[in-house]
């Protein structure tokens, strides 16, 4: 079910929101440090690489909250289906279980079918197109990594600074992933070496992306965050994914689920690139 909210923000509310952004929850703070502290990042990246190698599929039900400027919307039932880090399928449902949209993407193509509008939208699997359709300025591939509780980097780093922060009881890696000019900061909890916060800054030092991973549960040998928050200050977007109970990892999924079925006769076909660029306070039509 999609719910929309719109209103004006007072100065006090803005300050309260900013204060909340500064006080990020840290459930590991105050816990005993690990028995053996790491002095280098290689074990962290080895763990991340092994986790990626072991991951095959994910299927789960989530609630999604989107904030665009002063506008908010909620999708109560979104089915998330991932095939490795190669393909994603999102299904959005209304209050009486009617299909609101079906989104399917791989590393090259992105498609969204909106039955109530009678439209099939297709285009390149770019961050700009996912922003037009869903309100998130990430590539579909980056979104897959995020929804699996991974950092949105296809190539894991091999250089940078790494240290244990005793006050936070977290590891912090900082560096770049050449040839990209962006800088990254990634915090890891010290017991299972899972990322708990990811930040990306542009070449000017401006924060352009923050991802927070919370409420971890162990599923089929994986530590899985059930709450994932994506903040994009430049785009004026904040999206919270809250997984519900039915999450399955590495279940067998038919390949056909990641191919867009032929729409009904008369469905309008639209190129995503022909849609107008989203405005700061505008929500995509599917919301």
C-alpha atoms as a PDB file:
ATOM      1  CA  UNK A   1       0.000   0.000   0.000  1.00  0.00           C
ATOM      2  CA  UNK A   2       1.313   3.417  -0.899  1.00  0.00           C
ATOM      3  CA  UNK A   3       0.703   6.350   1.423  1.00  0.00           C
ATOM      4  CA  UNK A   4       1.610   9.949   0.592  1.00  0.00           C
ATOM      5  CA  UNK A   5       2.342  12.802   2.969  1.00  0.00           C
ATOM      6  CA  UNK A   6       3.125  16.404   2.102  1.00  0.00           C
ATOM      7  CA  UNK A   7       3.625  19.436   4.253  1.00  0.00           C
ATOM      8  CA  UNK A   8       5.907  22.257   5.241  1.00  0.00           C
ATOM      9  CA  UNK A   9       8.804  21.972   7.661  1.00  0.00           C
ATOM     10  CA  UNK A  10       9.331  24.449  10.454  1.00  0.00           C
ATOM     11  CA  UNK A  11      12.842  25.530  11.405  1.00  0.00           C
ATOM     12  CA  UNK A  12      12.590  23.427  14.541  1.00  0.00           C
ATOM     13  CA  UNK A  13      11.682  20.337  12.584  1.00  0.00           C
ATOM     14  CA  UNK A  14      14.574  20.898  10.195  1.00  0.00           C
ATOM     15  CA  UNK A  15      17.012  21.269  13.086  1.00  0.00           C
ATOM     16  CA  UNK A  16      15.598  18.169  14.731  1.00  0.00           C
ATOM     17  CA  UNK A  17      16.033  16.216  11.491  1.00  0.00           C
ATOM     18  CA  UNK A  18      19.627  17.446  11.164  1.00  0.00           C
ATOM     19  CA  UNK A  19      20.359  16.498  14.732  1.00  0.00           C
ATOM     20  CA  UNK A  20      18.992  13.028  14.102  1.00  0.00           C
ATOM     21  CA  UNK A  21      21.299  12.660  11.128  1.00  0.00           C
ATOM     22  CA  UNK A  22      24.297  13.407  13.359  1.00  0.00           C
ATOM     23  CA  UNK A  23      23.365  10.872  16.083  1.00  0.00           C
ATOM     24  CA  UNK A  24      23.572   7.615  14.163  1.00  0.00           C
ATOM     25  CA  UNK A  25      22.673   4.588  16.335  1.00  0.00           C
ATOM     26  CA  UNK A  26      25.632   2.370  17.241  1.00  0.00           C
ATOM     27  CA  UNK A  27      24.608  -0.794  19.121  1.00  0.00           C
ATOM     28  CA  UNK A  28      28.255  -1.946  19.264  1.00  0.00           C
ATOM     29  CA  UNK A  29      29.383   1.059  21.290  1.00  0.00           C
ATOM     30  CA  UNK A  30      29.990   0.039  24.889  1.00  0.00           C
ATOM     31  CA  UNK A  31      30.361  -3.668  24.116  1.00  0.00           C
ATOM     32  CA  UNK A  32      33.648  -5.435  24.894  1.00  0.00           C
ATOM     33  CA  UNK A  33      36.190  -5.143  22.071  1.00  0.00           C
ATOM     34  CA  UNK A  34      36.981  -8.278  20.062  1.00  0.00           C
ATOM     35  CA  UNK A  35      39.541 -10.643  21.564  1.00  0.00           C
ATOM     36  CA  UNK A  36      41.934 -10.010  18.686  1.00  0.00           C
ATOM     37  CA  UNK A  37      42.060  -6.609  17.023  1.00  0.00           C
ATOM     38  CA  UNK A  38      42.825  -6.314  13.339  1.00  0.00           C
ATOM     39  CA  UNK A  39      45.620  -3.982  12.298  1.00  0.00           C
ATOM     40  CA  UNK A  40      45.061  -4.251   8.532  1.00  0.00           C
ATOM     41  CA  UNK A  41      42.033  -4.372   6.234  1.00  0.00           C
ATOM     42  CA  UNK A  42      42.841  -7.542   4.288  1.00  0.00           C
ATOM     43  CA  UNK A  43      40.752  -9.878   6.535  1.00  0.00           C
ATOM     44  CA  UNK A  44      37.764  -7.546   6.112  1.00  0.00           C
ATOM     45  CA  UNK A  45      37.963  -7.626   2.313  1.00  0.00           C
ATOM     46  CA  UNK A  46      38.577 -11.378   2.325  1.00  0.00           C
ATOM     47  CA  UNK A  47      35.418 -11.822   4.382  1.00  0.00           C
ATOM     48  CA  UNK A  48      33.463  -9.557   2.013  1.00  0.00           C
ATOM     49  CA  UNK A  49      34.744 -11.451  -1.042  1.00  0.00           C
ATOM     50  CA  UNK A  50      33.825 -14.819   0.494  1.00  0.00           C
ATOM     51  CA  UNK A  51      30.335 -13.539   1.341  1.00  0.00           C
ATOM     52  CA  UNK A  52      29.825 -12.397  -2.240  1.00  0.00           C
ATOM     53  CA  UNK A  53      31.022 -15.742  -3.530  1.00  0.00           C
ATOM     54  CA  UNK A  54      28.573 -17.613  -1.285  1.00  0.00           C
ATOM     55  CA  UNK A  55      25.581 -15.416  -2.118  1.00  0.00           C
ATOM     56  CA  UNK A  56      23.283 -16.678  -4.873  1.00  0.00           C
ATOM     57  CA  UNK A  57      19.749 -15.344  -4.423  1.00  0.00           C
ATOM     58  CA  UNK A  58      17.555 -13.353  -2.061  1.00  0.00           C
ATOM     59  CA  UNK A  59      13.777 -13.155  -1.825  1.00  0.00           C
ATOM     60  CA  UNK A  60      11.942 -11.118   0.775  1.00  0.00           C
ATOM     61  CA  UNK A  61       9.117  -8.744   1.605  1.00  0.00           C
ATOM     62  CA  UNK A  62       9.949  -5.187   2.628  1.00  0.00           C
ATOM     63  CA  UNK A  63       8.362  -1.905   3.594  1.00  0.00           C
ATOM     64  CA  UNK A  64       9.883   1.079   1.778  1.00  0.00           C
ATOM     65  CA  UNK A  65       9.739   4.687   2.991  1.00  0.00           C
ATOM     66  CA  UNK A  66      10.829   7.415   0.596  1.00  0.00           C
ATOM     67  CA  UNK A  67      11.453  11.038   1.491  1.00  0.00           C
ATOM     68  CA  UNK A  68      11.885  13.542  -1.351  1.00  0.00           C
ATOM     69  CA  UNK A  69      12.383  17.052  -0.033  1.00  0.00           C
ATOM     70  CA  UNK A  70       9.295  17.742   2.103  1.00  0.00           C
ATOM     71  CA  UNK A  71       7.266  14.928   0.566  1.00  0.00           C
ATOM     72  CA  UNK A  72       7.061  11.419   1.992  1.00  0.00           C
ATOM     73  CA  UNK A  73       5.601   8.201   0.658  1.00  0.00           C
ATOM     74  CA  UNK A  74       5.361   4.645   1.981  1.00  0.00           C
ATOM     75  CA  UNK A  75       5.112   1.373   0.101  1.00  0.00           C
ATOM     76  CA  UNK A  76       3.960  -1.186   2.660  1.00  0.00           C
ATOM     77  CA  UNK A  77       4.523  -4.288   0.543  1.00  0.00           C
ATOM     78  CA  UNK A  78       7.451  -4.544  -1.848  1.00  0.00           C
ATOM     79  CA  UNK A  79       8.737  -7.949  -2.919  1.00  0.00           C
ATOM     80  CA  UNK A  80      12.526  -7.894  -3.368  1.00  0.00           C
ATOM     81  CA  UNK A  81      14.128 -10.640  -5.487  1.00  0.00           C
ATOM     82  CA  UNK A  82      17.866 -10.687  -6.229  1.00  0.00           C
ATOM     83  CA  UNK A  83      19.851 -13.026  -8.440  1.00  0.00           C
ATOM     84  CA  UNK A  84      23.417 -12.752  -7.285  1.00  0.00           C
ATOM     85  CA  UNK A  85      24.539  -9.246  -8.141  1.00  0.00           C
ATOM     86  CA  UNK A  86      23.412  -9.612 -11.741  1.00  0.00           C
ATOM     87  CA  UNK A  87      19.643  -9.025 -11.708  1.00  0.00           C
ATOM     88  CA  UNK A  88      16.927  -7.524  -9.523  1.00  0.00           C
ATOM     89  CA  UNK A  89      13.146  -7.787  -9.470  1.00  0.00           C
ATOM     90  CA  UNK A  90      10.919  -5.465  -7.407  1.00  0.00           C
ATOM     91  CA  UNK A  91       7.160  -5.886  -7.125  1.00  0.00           C
ATOM     92  CA  UNK A  92       5.011  -3.231  -5.486  1.00  0.00           C
ATOM     93  CA  UNK A  93       1.515  -4.072  -4.205  1.00  0.00           C
ATOM     94  CA  UNK A  94      -1.446  -1.943  -3.141  1.00  0.00           C
ATOM     95  CA  UNK A  95      -3.862  -2.282  -0.177  1.00  0.00           C
ATOM     96  CA  UNK A  96      -5.915  -5.062  -1.784  1.00  0.00           C
ATOM     97  CA  UNK A  97      -2.857  -6.914  -3.155  1.00  0.00           C
ATOM     98  CA  UNK A  98      -3.142  -5.328  -6.595  1.00  0.00           C
ATOM     99  CA  UNK A  99       0.102  -5.036  -8.532  1.00  0.00           C
ATOM    100  CA  UNK A 100       1.237  -1.412  -8.672  1.00  0.00           C
ATOM    101  CA  UNK A 101       4.458  -1.986 -10.581  1.00  0.00           C
ATOM    102  CA  UNK A 102       6.945  -4.615 -11.662  1.00  0.00           C
ATOM    103  CA  UNK A 103      10.572  -3.514 -12.020  1.00  0.00           C
ATOM    104  CA  UNK A 104      13.230  -5.785 -13.508  1.00  0.00           C
ATOM    105  CA  UNK A 105      16.827  -4.863 -14.243  1.00  0.00           C
ATOM    106  CA  UNK A 106      20.182  -6.427 -14.982  1.00  0.00           C
ATOM    107  CA  UNK A 107      23.551  -4.780 -15.497  1.00  0.00           C
ATOM    108  CA  UNK A 108      22.476  -3.314 -18.853  1.00  0.00           C
ATOM    109  CA  UNK A 109      18.693  -2.864 -19.098  1.00  0.00           C
ATOM    110  CA  UNK A 110      15.974  -1.532 -16.812  1.00  0.00           C
ATOM    111  CA  UNK A 111      12.238  -2.030 -17.317  1.00  0.00           C
ATOM    112  CA  UNK A 112       9.162  -1.091 -15.313  1.00  0.00           C
ATOM    113  CA  UNK A 113       5.598  -2.190 -16.015  1.00  0.00           C
ATOM    114  CA  UNK A 114       2.838  -0.049 -14.470  1.00  0.00           C
ATOM    115  CA  UNK A 115      -0.458  -1.907 -15.085  1.00  0.00           C
ATOM    116  CA  UNK A 116      -2.700   0.856 -13.728  1.00  0.00           C
ATOM    117  CA  UNK A 117      -1.167   3.303 -16.195  1.00  0.00           C
ATOM    118  CA  UNK A 118      -0.954   0.761 -19.014  1.00  0.00           C
ATOM    119  CA  UNK A 119       2.708   1.613 -19.621  1.00  0.00           C
ATOM    120  CA  UNK A 120       5.936  -0.343 -20.073  1.00  0.00           C
ATOM    121  CA  UNK A 121       9.018   1.811 -19.561  1.00  0.00           C
ATOM    122  CA  UNK A 122      12.429   0.595 -20.720  1.00  0.00           C
ATOM    123  CA  UNK A 123      15.914   2.046 -20.858  1.00  0.00           C
ATOM    124  CA  UNK A 124      19.502   1.733 -19.740  1.00  0.00           C
ATOM    125  CA  UNK A 125      20.253   0.450 -16.235  1.00  0.00           C
ATOM    126  CA  UNK A 126      21.599   3.805 -15.061  1.00  0.00           C
ATOM    127  CA  UNK A 127      21.331   5.757 -11.823  1.00  0.00           C
ATOM    128  CA  UNK A 128      19.516   8.532 -13.680  1.00  0.00           C
ATOM    129  CA  UNK A 129      16.845   6.142 -14.940  1.00  0.00           C
ATOM    130  CA  UNK A 130      16.304   4.471 -11.568  1.00  0.00           C
ATOM    131  CA  UNK A 131      15.915   7.966 -10.119  1.00  0.00           C
ATOM    132  CA  UNK A 132      13.226   8.742 -12.700  1.00  0.00           C
ATOM    133  CA  UNK A 133      11.319   5.533 -11.981  1.00  0.00           C
ATOM    134  CA  UNK A 134      11.839   4.817  -8.286  1.00  0.00           C
ATOM    135  CA  UNK A 135      13.348   7.933  -6.715  1.00  0.00           C
ATOM    136  CA  UNK A 136      16.801   6.501  -5.906  1.00  0.00           C
ATOM    137  CA  UNK A 137      19.895   7.807  -7.690  1.00  0.00           C
ATOM    138  CA  UNK A 138      21.708   4.452  -7.723  1.00  0.00           C
ATOM    139  CA  UNK A 139      22.392   2.043 -10.535  1.00  0.00           C
ATOM    140  CA  UNK A 140      20.330  -1.156 -10.233  1.00  0.00           C
ATOM    141  CA  UNK A 141      23.586  -3.037  -9.610  1.00  0.00           C
ATOM    142  CA  UNK A 142      24.514  -0.739  -6.705  1.00  0.00           C
ATOM    143  CA  UNK A 143      21.012  -1.175  -5.273  1.00  0.00           C
ATOM    144  CA  UNK A 144      21.442  -4.957  -5.378  1.00  0.00           C
ATOM    145  CA  UNK A 145      24.614  -4.743  -3.294  1.00  0.00           C
ATOM    146  CA  UNK A 146      22.884  -2.448  -0.796  1.00  0.00           C
ATOM    147  CA  UNK A 147      19.798  -4.657  -0.430  1.00  0.00           C
ATOM    148  CA  UNK A 148      22.056  -7.644   0.244  1.00  0.00           C
ATOM    149  CA  UNK A 149      23.754  -5.772   3.070  1.00  0.00           C
ATOM    150  CA  UNK A 150      26.928  -5.209   1.067  1.00  0.00           C
ATOM    151  CA  UNK A 151      28.773  -2.007   0.181  1.00  0.00           C
ATOM    152  CA  UNK A 152      27.818  -0.605  -3.266  1.00  0.00           C
ATOM    153  CA  UNK A 153      31.268  -1.168  -4.777  1.00  0.00           C
ATOM    154  CA  UNK A 154      31.659  -3.724  -7.555  1.00  0.00           C
ATOM    155  CA  UNK A 155      35.425  -3.778  -6.986  1.00  0.00           C
ATOM    156  CA  UNK A 156      36.534  -4.130  -3.377  1.00  0.00           C
ATOM    157  CA  UNK A 157      39.342  -1.769  -2.300  1.00  0.00           C
ATOM    158  CA  UNK A 158      42.938  -2.859  -1.862  1.00  0.00           C
ATOM    159  CA  UNK A 159      44.482   0.384  -0.608  1.00  0.00           C
ATOM    160  CA  UNK A 160      43.524   2.934   2.028  1.00  0.00           C
ATOM    161  CA  UNK A 161      43.809   3.540   5.767  1.00  0.00           C
ATOM    162  CA  UNK A 162      42.329   1.144   8.320  1.00  0.00           C
ATOM    163  CA  UNK A 163      42.033   1.513  12.075  1.00  0.00           C
ATOM    164  CA  UNK A 164      40.042   0.345  15.089  1.00  0.00           C
ATOM    165  CA  UNK A 165      38.043   3.158  16.708  1.00  0.00           C
ATOM    166  CA  UNK A 166      37.869   2.215  20.381  1.00  0.00           C
ATOM    167  CA  UNK A 167      35.255   4.816  21.328  1.00  0.00           C
ATOM    168  CA  UNK A 168      32.874   3.513  18.654  1.00  0.00           C
ATOM    169  CA  UNK A 169      34.023  -0.125  18.877  1.00  0.00           C
ATOM    170  CA  UNK A 170      34.112  -0.173  15.084  1.00  0.00           C
ATOM    171  CA  UNK A 171      36.701  -0.549  12.356  1.00  0.00           C
ATOM    172  CA  UNK A 172      36.974   2.333   9.887  1.00  0.00           C
ATOM    173  CA  UNK A 173      38.444   2.092   6.384  1.00  0.00           C
ATOM    174  CA  UNK A 174      39.039   5.249   4.343  1.00  0.00           C
ATOM    175  CA  UNK A 175      40.311   5.550   0.793  1.00  0.00           C
ATOM    176  CA  UNK A 176      39.537   5.489  -2.909  1.00  0.00           C
ATOM    177  CA  UNK A 177      38.897   2.850  -5.550  1.00  0.00           C
ATOM    178  CA  UNK A 178      40.822   3.991  -8.661  1.00  0.00           C
ATOM    179  CA  UNK A 179      40.103   5.210 -11.252  1.00  0.00           C
ATOM    180  CA  UNK A 180      36.996   6.716  -9.608  1.00  0.00           C
ATOM    181  CA  UNK A 181      37.665  10.155  -8.063  1.00  0.00           C
ATOM    182  CA  UNK A 182      35.263   9.641  -5.145  1.00  0.00           C
ATOM    183  CA  UNK A 183      36.443   9.046  -1.600  1.00  0.00           C
ATOM    184  CA  UNK A 184      34.895   6.445   0.667  1.00  0.00           C
ATOM    185  CA  UNK A 185      34.521   5.745   4.368  1.00  0.00           C
ATOM    186  CA  UNK A 186      33.263   2.348   5.527  1.00  0.00           C
ATOM    187  CA  UNK A 187      32.616   1.351   9.141  1.00  0.00           C
ATOM    188  CA  UNK A 188      32.576  -2.361  10.098  1.00  0.00           C
ATOM    189  CA  UNK A 189      31.352  -3.964  13.302  1.00  0.00           C
ATOM    190  CA  UNK A 190      34.248  -5.856  14.930  1.00  0.00           C
ATOM    191  CA  UNK A 191      32.723  -9.293  15.513  1.00  0.00           C
ATOM    192  CA  UNK A 192      31.428 -10.484  12.134  1.00  0.00           C
ATOM    193  CA  UNK A 193      33.139  -7.767  10.032  1.00  0.00           C
ATOM    194  CA  UNK A 194      29.853  -6.628   8.489  1.00  0.00           C
ATOM    195  CA  UNK A 195      29.614  -3.089   7.079  1.00  0.00           C
ATOM    196  CA  UNK A 196      27.379  -0.913   9.242  1.00  0.00           C
ATOM    197  CA  UNK A 197      27.874   2.428   7.484  1.00  0.00           C
ATOM    198  CA  UNK A 198      29.098   3.491   4.059  1.00  0.00           C
ATOM    199  CA  UNK A 199      29.783   7.056   2.914  1.00  0.00           C
ATOM    200  CA  UNK A 200      30.880   8.422  -0.436  1.00  0.00           C
ATOM    201  CA  UNK A 201      32.163  11.933  -1.086  1.00  0.00           C
ATOM    202  CA  UNK A 202      32.712  13.584  -4.447  1.00  0.00           C
ATOM    203  CA  UNK A 203      35.987  15.179  -5.577  1.00  0.00           C
ATOM    204  CA  UNK A 204      35.013  18.393  -3.730  1.00  0.00           C
ATOM    205  CA  UNK A 205      34.544  16.593  -0.428  1.00  0.00           C
ATOM    206  CA  UNK A 206      30.728  16.809  -0.475  1.00  0.00           C
ATOM    207  CA  UNK A 207      28.789  13.862   0.929  1.00  0.00           C
ATOM    208  CA  UNK A 208      26.730  12.373  -1.920  1.00  0.00           C
ATOM    209  CA  UNK A 209      25.753   8.969  -0.497  1.00  0.00           C
ATOM    210  CA  UNK A 210      25.357   7.426   2.923  1.00  0.00           C
ATOM    211  CA  UNK A 211      24.106   3.886   3.603  1.00  0.00           C
ATOM    212  CA  UNK A 212      23.358   2.591   7.111  1.00  0.00           C
ATOM    213  CA  UNK A 213      22.865  -1.108   7.893  1.00  0.00           C
ATOM    214  CA  UNK A 214      20.987  -2.029  11.082  1.00  0.00           C
ATOM    215  CA  UNK A 215      18.990  -4.756  12.874  1.00  0.00           C
ATOM    216  CA  UNK A 216      21.196  -7.678  11.838  1.00  0.00           C
ATOM    217  CA  UNK A 217      19.874 -11.231  11.852  1.00  0.00           C
ATOM    218  CA  UNK A 218      21.627 -14.453  10.926  1.00  0.00           C
ATOM    219  CA  UNK A 219      20.027 -16.171   7.932  1.00  0.00           C
ATOM    220  CA  UNK A 220      21.367 -19.310   6.286  1.00  0.00           C
ATOM    221  CA  UNK A 221      24.891 -18.479   7.439  1.00  0.00           C
ATOM    222  CA  UNK A 222      24.681 -14.803   6.448  1.00  0.00           C
ATOM    223  CA  UNK A 223      24.497 -11.778   8.735  1.00  0.00           C
ATOM    224  CA  UNK A 224      21.687  -9.806   7.119  1.00  0.00           C
ATOM    225  CA  UNK A 225      20.608  -6.243   8.004  1.00  0.00           C
ATOM    226  CA  UNK A 226      16.827  -5.998   8.201  1.00  0.00           C
ATOM    227  CA  UNK A 227      16.862  -2.198   8.084  1.00  0.00           C
ATOM    228  CA  UNK A 228      18.818  -0.309   5.422  1.00  0.00           C
ATOM    229  CA  UNK A 229      18.782   3.486   5.085  1.00  0.00           C
ATOM    230  CA  UNK A 230      20.017   5.222   1.943  1.00  0.00           C
ATOM    231  CA  UNK A 231      20.582   8.999   2.150  1.00  0.00           C
ATOM    232  CA  UNK A 232      21.506  11.121  -0.872  1.00  0.00           C
ATOM    233  CA  UNK A 233      21.781  14.757   0.282  1.00  0.00           C
ATOM    234  CA  UNK A 234      22.481  16.251  -3.148  1.00  0.00           C
ATOM    235  CA  UNK A 235      19.413  14.570  -4.616  1.00  0.00           C
ATOM    236  CA  UNK A 236      17.254  15.349  -1.565  1.00  0.00           C
ATOM    237  CA  UNK A 237      16.389  11.676  -1.094  1.00  0.00           C
ATOM    238  CA  UNK A 238      16.153   9.391   1.925  1.00  0.00           C
ATOM    239  CA  UNK A 239      14.940   5.813   1.475  1.00  0.00           C
ATOM    240  CA  UNK A 240      14.474   3.255   4.250  1.00  0.00           C
ATOM    241  CA  UNK A 241      14.112  -0.440   3.410  1.00  0.00           C
ATOM    242  CA  UNK A 242      12.668  -2.505   6.272  1.00  0.00           C
ATOM    243  CA  UNK A 243      12.618  -6.241   5.595  1.00  0.00           C
ATOM    244  CA  UNK A 244       9.744  -8.173   7.079  1.00  0.00           C
ATOM    245  CA  UNK A 245       9.772 -11.762   8.301  1.00  0.00           C
ATOM    246  CA  UNK A 246       9.795 -13.668   5.019  1.00  0.00           C
ATOM    247  CA  UNK A 247      13.407 -13.340   3.831  1.00  0.00           C
ATOM    248  CA  UNK A 248      15.057 -16.272   2.075  1.00  0.00           C
ATOM    249  CA  UNK A 249      18.681 -16.456   1.008  1.00  0.00           C
ATOM    250  CA  UNK A 250      19.987 -18.847  -1.653  1.00  0.00           C
ATOM    251  CA  UNK A 251      16.582 -20.361  -2.403  1.00  0.00           C
ATOM    252  CA  UNK A 252      16.131 -21.788  -5.891  1.00  0.00           C
ATOM    253  CA  UNK A 253      14.577 -19.211  -8.233  1.00  0.00           C
ATOM    254  CA  UNK A 254      13.571 -19.720 -11.873  1.00  0.00           C
ATOM    255  CA  UNK A 255      15.491 -17.639 -14.391  1.00  0.00           C
ATOM    256  CA  UNK A 256      12.185 -16.491 -15.931  1.00  0.00           C
ATOM    257  CA  UNK A 257      11.510 -14.288 -12.913  1.00  0.00           C
ATOM    258  CA  UNK A 258      14.166 -11.890 -14.155  1.00  0.00           C
ATOM    259  CA  UNK A 259      12.680 -11.432 -17.627  1.00  0.00           C
ATOM    260  CA  UNK A 260       9.890  -8.920 -18.154  1.00  0.00           C
ATOM    261  CA  UNK A 261       6.790 -10.797 -19.390  1.00  0.00           C
ATOM    262  CA  UNK A 262       5.028  -9.536 -22.486  1.00  0.00           C
ATOM    263  CA  UNK A 263       2.526  -6.835 -21.436  1.00  0.00           C
ATOM    264  CA  UNK A 264      -1.140  -6.897 -22.511  1.00  0.00           C
ATOM    265  CA  UNK A 265      -2.024  -5.730 -25.990  1.00  0.00           C
ATOM    266  CA  UNK A 266      -2.391  -1.969 -26.102  1.00  0.00           C
ATOM    267  CA  UNK A 267       0.228  -1.259 -23.462  1.00  0.00           C
ATOM    268  CA  UNK A 268       2.071   1.963 -24.236  1.00  0.00           C
ATOM    269  CA  UNK A 269       5.847   1.607 -24.568  1.00  0.00           C
ATOM    270  CA  UNK A 270       7.899   4.524 -23.277  1.00  0.00           C
ATOM    271  CA  UNK A 271      11.648   5.152 -23.227  1.00  0.00           C
ATOM    272  CA  UNK A 272      12.748   6.036 -19.688  1.00  0.00           C
ATOM    273  CA  UNK A 273      15.203   8.559 -21.073  1.00  0.00           C
ATOM    274  CA  UNK A 274      12.250  10.519 -22.503  1.00  0.00           C
ATOM    275  CA  UNK A 275      10.813  11.111 -19.020  1.00  0.00           C
ATOM    276  CA  UNK A 276      11.552  14.509 -17.471  1.00  0.00           C
ATOM    277  CA  UNK A 277      14.342  14.740 -14.924  1.00  0.00           C
ATOM    278  CA  UNK A 278      12.856  14.469 -11.405  1.00  0.00           C
ATOM    279  CA  UNK A 279      12.514  17.653  -9.394  1.00  0.00           C
ATOM    280  CA  UNK A 280      13.866  17.902  -5.866  1.00  0.00           C
ATOM    281  CA  UNK A 281      10.454  17.562  -4.157  1.00  0.00           C
ATOM    282  CA  UNK A 282       8.802  15.366  -6.785  1.00  0.00           C
ATOM    283  CA  UNK A 283       7.920  11.737  -6.228  1.00  0.00           C
ATOM    284  CA  UNK A 284       7.962   9.252  -9.126  1.00  0.00           C
ATOM    285  CA  UNK A 285       4.532   8.327 -10.447  1.00  0.00           C
ATOM    286  CA  UNK A 286       4.627   4.821  -8.999  1.00  0.00           C
ATOM    287  CA  UNK A 287       4.545   6.364  -5.511  1.00  0.00           C
END
